[in-house]
Amino acid sequence: MTETAKVSIIMPTLNSSSTIRKALESIRKQKYDQSLVEILVIDAGSYDQTKKIAAEYGCKILPNPKTQQEYAKHIGILSASGSVGIFLDSDEVLSNDLAIKRRVDILSGNSSLKVVHSGGYKKPAGFSSVNDYINNFSDPFVFFMYGISSQYPFFLDCWKRKYLYTGESESFVSFKFKKNDAIPVVDMCAGNAMDLDYFREKFKDILQDEKIVPRIFYLIVGDGKEVALLKNDFIIHYSADSYKKFINKIKWRVIVNLHYREMPGTGFSNREEFQPRWFRFKKYLFIPYSLSIILPFASAAYFSIKRKKPVLMVHLPLTFYTACIILCQYFLKILGIKPKIKTYGNEERELVIN
């Protein structure tokens, strides 16, 4: 790979017209030779202006018949012609016009680094306060398990406190995970980049497996490779625009993790096999933690005060809600009842599951 490598941007879409223009504009404004940038929009059947907008920006539009985002990303990996893959959702915007160049330079100049992670999320100006919660806590279960905030600029400090960092430069910090570390949740989104040439060769025997997407980060670090976490390079995230939508996403994650463990998706179950044994048992403590009230209240109060965001007190009711949903879905599972689900973040389309 060279510092002028071809880059493939992989972007899943479904009725994304309200945000995709911002995402694509941030790509086309990059200080990187645009002839070396291909944008793969993998669409799940949008009937709004998504595909029309994507065509305006010279994107290659591919169909995603299974709808779910992880299937789209798998299609993107198989279709990409670049040496570097950058995953950017249609509600995510690159804040730094050197974002692509920095990722390519790091992967080109450091043979031990195969993944480059963005510096975290920032809420768009004037957007719903639920995004403050999402950026600081992700969701109640994820925060209980990992204790990492994706909010820029706290994200890097969280990693530094928990993991071994092996080097630091002006633009990034490199990390390597030890055997007994609880490896953090890293989804292929948020401007995260990887060395596609290395990945395609190293994991060629399982590359066709649709379930590979949520496992990508864990396969790479399991191969002994290091991860770069960028400084001063955050993603502006147009995530849930209401608490109602976020609550529905929490319920979706619980249902998928309990009833559809075989489906590649957002959650704990797809990644559990890569975690140390002690960490796998920690999940059983979430219910007593939640129902204690005082423990989630303490977390909510601490971060509300420390980060000067009173809205983070919503962590308490959201934690209790999540625990109730988990208990309810466990009860349904015992009864042999498997609820149907819609596409993640979209309540209009039933999910296709093989």
Protein backbone atom coordinates (compact mmCIF):
# COMPACT_ATOMS: atom_id res chain seq x y z
CA MET A 1 0.00 0.00 0.00
CA THR A 2 1.16 3.54 -0.76
CA GLU A 3 0.20 6.94 0.62
CA THR A 4 -1.82 7.49 -2.56
CA ALA A 5 -3.80 4.27 -2.22
CA LYS A 6 -7.25 3.84 -3.68
CA VAL A 7 -9.93 4.22 -0.99
CA SER A 8 -13.34 2.57 -0.87
CA ILE A 9 -15.97 4.29 1.27
CA ILE A 10 -18.63 1.77 2.34
CA MET A 11 -22.01 3.31 3.22
CA PRO A 12 -25.23 1.38 3.94
CA THR A 13 -28.48 3.27 3.27
CA LEU A 14 -32.22 2.97 3.67
CA ASN A 15 -34.34 6.10 3.19
CA SER A 16 -31.40 8.24 4.25
CA SER A 17 -32.20 11.41 2.31
CA SER A 18 -32.34 13.59 5.44
CA THR A 19 -28.62 13.06 6.22
CA ILE A 20 -26.81 11.43 3.30
CA ARG A 21 -26.03 14.68 1.49
CA LYS A 22 -24.07 15.92 4.53
CA ALA A 23 -22.15 12.64 4.69
CA LEU A 24 -21.31 12.63 0.98
CA GLU A 25 -20.38 16.31 0.97
CA SER A 26 -17.87 15.66 3.76
CA ILE A 27 -16.27 12.94 1.62
CA ARG A 28 -16.08 15.02 -1.57
CA LYS A 29 -14.53 17.94 0.37
CA GLN A 30 -11.59 15.80 1.46
CA LYS A 31 -8.07 16.89 0.56
CA TYR A 32 -7.39 13.61 -1.18
CA ASP A 33 -7.36 12.85 -4.88
CA GLN A 34 -11.04 12.17 -5.59
CA SER A 35 -10.14 9.95 -8.54
CA LEU A 36 -8.78 7.55 -5.92
CA VAL A 37 -12.00 7.59 -3.85
CA GLU A 38 -14.89 5.30 -4.69
CA ILE A 39 -18.09 5.61 -2.68
CA LEU A 40 -20.13 2.42 -2.47
CA VAL A 41 -23.70 3.13 -1.40
CA ILE A 42 -25.32 -0.20 -0.58
CA ASP A 43 -29.04 0.50 -0.52
CA ALA A 44 -31.78 -1.61 1.07
CA GLY A 45 -34.58 -0.38 -1.18
CA SER A 46 -34.97 3.32 -0.46
CA TYR A 47 -38.07 4.97 -1.89
CA ASP A 48 -37.11 8.53 -0.96
CA GLN A 49 -34.36 10.63 -2.61
CA THR A 50 -31.43 8.61 -1.23
CA LYS A 51 -30.32 7.00 -4.49
CA LYS A 52 -30.85 10.20 -6.48
CA ILE A 53 -28.62 12.13 -4.07
CA ALA A 54 -26.01 9.37 -4.12
CA ALA A 55 -25.92 9.52 -7.93
CA GLU A 56 -25.29 13.28 -7.77
CA TYR A 57 -22.06 12.57 -5.87
CA GLY A 58 -20.85 9.91 -8.28
CA CYS A 59 -21.51 6.97 -5.97
CA LYS A 60 -21.71 3.39 -7.10
CA ILE A 61 -25.10 2.13 -5.91
CA LEU A 62 -25.46 -1.55 -5.02
CA PRO A 63 -28.56 -3.40 -3.79
CA ASN A 64 -28.85 -4.89 -0.30
CA PRO A 65 -31.77 -7.34 -0.52
CA LYS A 66 -31.42 -8.42 3.14
CA THR A 67 -31.84 -4.83 4.37
CA GLN A 68 -29.78 -5.05 7.58
CA GLN A 69 -26.67 -2.81 7.65
CA GLU A 70 -24.17 -5.58 8.35
CA TYR A 71 -25.19 -7.35 5.14
CA ALA A 72 -24.66 -4.08 3.26
CA LYS A 73 -21.17 -3.72 4.70
CA HIS A 74 -20.34 -7.27 3.68
CA ILE A 75 -21.48 -6.52 0.14
CA GLY A 76 -19.32 -3.40 0.24
CA ILE A 77 -16.22 -5.32 1.34
CA LEU A 78 -16.65 -7.87 -1.42
CA SER A 79 -17.29 -5.16 -4.03
CA ALA A 80 -14.58 -2.70 -2.98
CA SER A 81 -11.66 -2.15 -5.34
CA GLY A 82 -9.64 -0.01 -2.91
CA SER A 83 -6.68 -0.96 -0.74
CA VAL A 84 -8.19 0.97 2.19
CA GLY A 85 -11.77 0.60 3.34
CA ILE A 86 -13.48 3.39 5.29
CA PHE A 87 -16.89 2.71 6.82
CA LEU A 88 -19.18 5.70 7.13
CA ASP A 89 -22.89 5.48 7.85
CA SER A 90 -25.26 7.83 6.06
CA ASP A 91 -25.89 9.80 9.27
CA GLU A 92 -22.17 10.38 9.95
CA VAL A 93 -20.09 13.31 8.75
CA LEU A 94 -16.31 13.63 8.56
CA SER A 95 -15.31 16.74 10.50
CA ASN A 96 -11.69 16.93 9.29
CA ASP A 97 -10.94 17.57 5.60
CA LEU A 98 -7.74 15.52 6.01
CA ALA A 99 -9.65 12.53 7.42
CA ILE A 100 -9.03 10.22 4.46
CA LYS A 101 -5.41 11.26 4.01
CA ARG A 102 -4.61 10.70 7.67
CA ARG A 103 -6.10 7.21 7.64
CA VAL A 104 -4.25 6.22 4.49
CA ASP A 105 -0.96 7.67 5.75
CA ILE A 106 -1.20 5.76 9.04
CA LEU A 107 -2.01 2.43 7.38
CA SER A 108 0.68 2.97 4.75
CA GLY A 109 3.40 3.98 7.19
CA ASN A 110 2.87 1.46 9.99
CA SER A 111 2.96 -2.24 9.13
CA SER A 112 1.69 -3.30 12.57
CA LEU A 113 -1.42 -1.07 12.32
CA LYS A 114 -4.32 -2.49 10.35
CA VAL A 115 -7.25 -0.53 11.82
CA VAL A 116 -7.66 3.23 12.30
CA HIS A 117 -10.44 4.39 14.63
CA SER A 118 -11.88 7.89 14.58
CA GLY A 119 -11.54 10.12 17.64
CA GLY A 120 -15.16 9.71 18.72
CA TYR A 121 -18.54 11.35 18.15
CA LYS A 122 -19.84 14.89 18.46
CA LYS A 123 -23.49 15.93 18.53
CA PRO A 124 -24.57 18.19 15.65
CA ALA A 125 -25.43 21.74 16.70
CA GLY A 126 -29.09 22.08 17.60
CA PHE A 127 -29.79 18.35 17.41
CA SER A 128 -31.75 16.34 20.00
CA SER A 129 -30.18 15.97 23.44
CA VAL A 130 -30.60 12.20 23.17
CA ASN A 131 -27.39 12.33 21.13
CA ASP A 132 -25.53 13.62 24.19
CA TYR A 133 -26.62 10.48 25.98
CA ILE A 134 -25.75 8.17 23.06
CA ASN A 135 -22.29 9.70 22.67
CA ASN A 136 -21.54 9.47 26.40
CA PHE A 137 -23.14 6.13 27.29
CA SER A 138 -23.92 4.38 23.95
CA ASP A 139 -26.71 2.48 25.69
CA PRO A 140 -27.10 1.31 29.31
CA PHE A 141 -25.98 -2.29 28.75
CA VAL A 142 -22.97 -1.39 26.61
CA PHE A 143 -21.79 1.20 29.13
CA PHE A 144 -22.18 -1.25 32.02
CA MET A 145 -20.12 -3.85 30.17
CA TYR A 146 -17.36 -1.66 28.73
CA GLY A 147 -17.45 1.68 30.57
CA ILE A 148 -16.27 3.59 27.49
CA SER A 149 -17.64 6.92 26.28
CA SER A 150 -17.48 7.59 22.55
CA GLN A 151 -17.95 11.33 23.14
CA TYR A 152 -15.11 13.42 21.71
CA PRO A 153 -12.70 14.30 23.34
CA PHE A 154 -13.23 11.82 26.22
CA PHE A 155 -13.01 8.78 23.97
CA LEU A 156 -9.21 8.69 23.74
CA ASP A 157 -8.80 9.11 27.51
CA CYS A 158 -11.15 6.16 28.11
CA TRP A 159 -8.98 3.93 25.94
CA LYS A 160 -5.79 5.16 27.57
CA ARG A 161 -7.12 4.28 31.04
CA LYS A 162 -8.18 0.78 30.03
CA TYR A 163 -5.74 -0.46 27.38
CA LEU A 164 -2.03 -0.67 26.64
CA TYR A 165 -0.95 2.12 24.33
CA THR A 166 2.22 1.34 22.47
CA GLY A 167 3.03 4.66 20.84
CA GLU A 168 1.86 8.21 20.35
CA SER A 169 2.35 10.77 17.62
CA GLU A 170 0.92 14.18 16.85
CA SER A 171 -2.05 12.64 15.05
CA PHE A 172 -2.76 9.29 16.71
CA VAL A 173 -2.18 6.86 19.58
CA SER A 174 -1.58 3.16 18.91
CA PHE A 175 -3.00 0.39 21.10
CA LYS A 176 -2.49 -3.33 21.51
CA PHE A 177 -4.76 -5.60 23.53
CA LYS A 178 -3.53 -8.06 26.13
CA LYS A 179 -4.87 -11.59 26.46
CA ASN A 180 -7.28 -10.91 29.35
CA ASP A 181 -8.53 -7.52 28.14
CA ALA A 182 -12.23 -6.95 27.56
CA ILE A 183 -11.95 -5.85 23.94
CA PRO A 184 -14.13 -2.77 23.31
CA VAL A 185 -17.07 -2.64 20.95
CA VAL A 186 -15.80 -1.42 17.59
CA ASP A 187 -18.35 -1.37 14.78
CA MET A 188 -17.43 -0.86 11.16
CA CYS A 189 -18.85 2.66 10.93
CA ALA A 190 -17.93 6.13 12.27
CA GLY A 191 -15.15 6.67 9.75
CA ASN A 192 -13.24 3.62 10.96
CA ALA A 193 -10.72 2.43 8.39
CA MET A 194 -8.91 -0.83 7.73
CA ASP A 195 -6.26 -2.26 5.45
CA LEU A 196 -8.44 -4.11 2.93
CA ASP A 197 -5.52 -5.76 1.13
CA TYR A 198 -4.33 -7.34 4.38
CA PHE A 199 -7.83 -8.34 5.46
CA ARG A 200 -8.78 -9.93 2.14
CA GLU A 201 -5.61 -12.02 2.11
CA LYS A 202 -5.44 -12.96 5.79
CA PHE A 203 -9.11 -13.96 6.10
CA LYS A 204 -9.78 -15.13 2.55
CA ASP A 205 -11.15 -18.46 3.77
CA ILE A 206 -14.02 -16.79 5.65
CA LEU A 207 -14.42 -13.64 3.58
CA GLN A 208 -17.65 -14.89 2.00
CA ASP A 209 -19.26 -15.44 5.39
CA GLU A 210 -21.96 -12.79 5.90
CA LYS A 211 -21.41 -12.96 9.67
CA ILE A 212 -17.88 -11.63 9.36
CA VAL A 213 -18.72 -7.91 9.65
CA PRO A 214 -19.30 -7.62 13.44
CA ARG A 215 -16.19 -9.80 13.93
CA ILE A 216 -13.79 -7.76 11.75
CA PHE A 217 -12.13 -5.76 14.51
CA TYR A 218 -11.78 -8.79 16.77
CA LEU A 219 -10.26 -10.94 14.03
CA ILE A 220 -7.67 -8.26 13.31
CA VAL A 221 -6.62 -7.65 16.91
CA GLY A 222 -6.70 -11.42 17.48
CA ASP A 223 -4.06 -11.63 14.75
CA GLY A 224 -1.82 -9.52 16.97
CA LYS A 225 -2.29 -6.28 15.03
CA GLU A 226 -2.42 -2.85 16.61
CA VAL A 227 -5.10 -0.18 16.40
CA ALA A 228 -4.64 3.56 15.86
CA LEU A 229 -7.03 5.97 17.55
CA LEU A 230 -7.01 9.41 15.93
CA LYS A 231 -6.58 12.73 17.68
CA ASN A 232 -8.60 15.80 16.63
CA ASP A 233 -10.60 13.78 14.14
CA PHE A 234 -14.17 13.27 15.30
CA ILE A 235 -17.38 12.28 13.54
CA ILE A 236 -20.47 14.48 13.62
CA HIS A 237 -23.24 11.97 14.27
CA TYR A 238 -26.85 12.63 13.25
CA SER A 239 -28.10 9.68 15.26
CA ALA A 240 -31.54 9.25 16.87
CA ASP A 241 -33.58 12.44 16.53
CA SER A 242 -35.86 11.59 19.46
CA TYR A 243 -35.88 9.60 22.70
CA LYS A 244 -38.69 7.46 21.27
CA LYS A 245 -36.50 6.34 18.37
CA PHE A 246 -33.58 5.60 20.70
CA ILE A 247 -35.80 3.56 23.04
CA ASN A 248 -36.95 1.53 20.04
CA LYS A 249 -33.30 0.93 19.11
CA ILE A 250 -32.57 -0.36 22.61
CA LYS A 251 -35.49 -2.78 22.36
CA TRP A 252 -34.29 -3.90 18.91
CA ARG A 253 -30.80 -4.64 20.26
CA VAL A 254 -32.20 -6.68 23.15
CA ILE A 255 -34.45 -8.73 20.86
CA VAL A 256 -31.63 -9.44 18.41
CA ASN A 257 -29.17 -10.42 21.13
CA LEU A 258 -31.62 -12.79 22.82
CA HIS A 259 -33.64 -14.21 19.92
CA TYR A 260 -31.49 -13.77 16.79
CA ARG A 261 -27.96 -14.51 17.94
CA GLU A 262 -27.16 -16.08 14.56
CA MET A 263 -27.83 -12.81 12.72
CA PRO A 264 -24.96 -10.34 12.23
CA GLY A 265 -25.98 -7.16 13.98
CA THR A 266 -25.36 -4.50 16.57
CA GLY A 267 -24.80 -6.08 19.95
CA PHE A 268 -22.92 -8.23 22.40
CA SER A 269 -23.72 -11.75 21.22
CA ASN A 270 -21.86 -11.51 17.89
CA ARG A 271 -18.66 -10.62 19.72
CA GLU A 272 -18.92 -12.63 22.92
CA GLU A 273 -16.66 -15.46 21.71
CA PHE A 274 -13.70 -13.05 21.50
CA GLN A 275 -13.95 -11.92 25.12
CA PRO A 276 -12.22 -13.43 28.17
CA ARG A 277 -14.31 -15.80 30.30
CA TRP A 278 -14.66 -13.39 33.22
CA PHE A 279 -16.16 -10.76 30.94
CA ARG A 280 -18.77 -13.13 29.52
CA PHE A 281 -20.13 -13.69 33.02
CA LYS A 282 -20.30 -9.97 33.74
CA LYS A 283 -23.46 -9.65 31.61
CA TYR A 284 -25.45 -11.49 34.28
CA LEU A 285 -24.76 -8.68 36.73
CA PHE A 286 -26.54 -6.07 34.61
CA ILE A 287 -30.01 -6.87 35.98
CA PRO A 288 -29.04 -6.57 39.68
CA TYR A 289 -27.02 -3.45 38.84
CA SER A 290 -30.03 -1.89 37.11
CA LEU A 291 -32.60 -2.84 39.73
CA SER A 292 -30.41 -1.55 42.55
CA ILE A 293 -31.34 1.99 41.34
CA ILE A 294 -28.57 3.53 43.42
CA LEU A 295 -25.73 2.27 41.19
CA PRO A 296 -27.05 3.62 37.86
CA PHE A 297 -28.08 6.79 39.71
CA ALA A 298 -24.48 7.22 40.90
CA SER A 299 -23.15 6.81 37.34
CA ALA A 300 -25.72 9.25 35.97
CA ALA A 301 -24.98 11.86 38.65
CA TYR A 302 -21.20 11.51 38.28
CA PHE A 303 -21.16 12.06 34.52
CA SER A 304 -23.85 14.76 34.61
CA ILE A 305 -21.72 16.80 36.98
CA LYS A 306 -18.30 15.99 35.53
CA ARG A 307 -19.34 16.74 31.95
CA LYS A 308 -21.77 19.51 32.85
CA LYS A 309 -24.68 17.86 31.05
CA PRO A 310 -27.73 17.40 33.30
CA VAL A 311 -29.43 15.47 30.49
CA LEU A 312 -27.18 12.51 31.31
CA MET A 313 -29.36 11.84 34.36
CA VAL A 314 -31.66 10.08 31.89
CA HIS A 315 -29.24 7.17 32.30
CA LEU A 316 -31.19 6.08 35.38
CA PRO A 317 -34.63 5.57 33.75
CA LEU A 318 -33.03 4.20 30.55
CA THR A 319 -31.09 1.61 32.56
CA PHE A 320 -34.24 0.51 34.37
CA TYR A 321 -36.12 0.35 31.05
CA THR A 322 -33.38 -1.76 29.45
CA ALA A 323 -33.43 -4.20 32.37
CA CYS A 324 -37.22 -4.54 32.09
CA ILE A 325 -36.98 -5.22 28.35
CA ILE A 326 -34.30 -7.88 28.92
CA LEU A 327 -36.42 -9.61 31.58
CA CYS A 328 -39.50 -9.46 29.36
CA GLN A 329 -37.65 -10.92 26.36
CA TYR A 330 -36.09 -13.67 28.49
CA PHE A 331 -39.59 -14.62 29.61
CA LEU A 332 -40.76 -14.77 25.98
CA LYS A 333 -37.73 -16.89 25.10
CA ILE A 334 -38.58 -19.38 27.87
CA LEU A 335 -42.09 -19.60 26.43
CA GLY A 336 -40.66 -20.21 22.96
CA ILE A 337 -42.05 -16.95 21.57
CA LYS A 338 -39.77 -15.26 19.02
CA PRO A 339 -40.89 -11.69 18.21
CA LYS A 340 -40.64 -10.35 14.69
CA ILE A 341 -38.40 -7.36 14.16
CA LYS A 342 -38.11 -4.45 11.79
CA THR A 343 -34.94 -3.10 10.27
CA TYR A 344 -32.64 -1.39 12.78
CA GLY A 345 -33.56 2.28 13.06
CA ASN A 346 -36.41 1.89 10.57
CA GLU A 347 -39.87 0.78 11.65
CA GLU A 348 -41.35 0.51 8.17
CA ARG A 349 -39.54 -2.59 6.88
CA GLU A 350 -39.62 -6.12 8.30
CA LEU A 351 -36.17 -7.63 8.45
CA VAL A 352 -35.29 -10.50 6.11
CA ILE A 353 -33.72 -13.30 8.17
CA ASN A 354 -32.50 -16.60 6.77
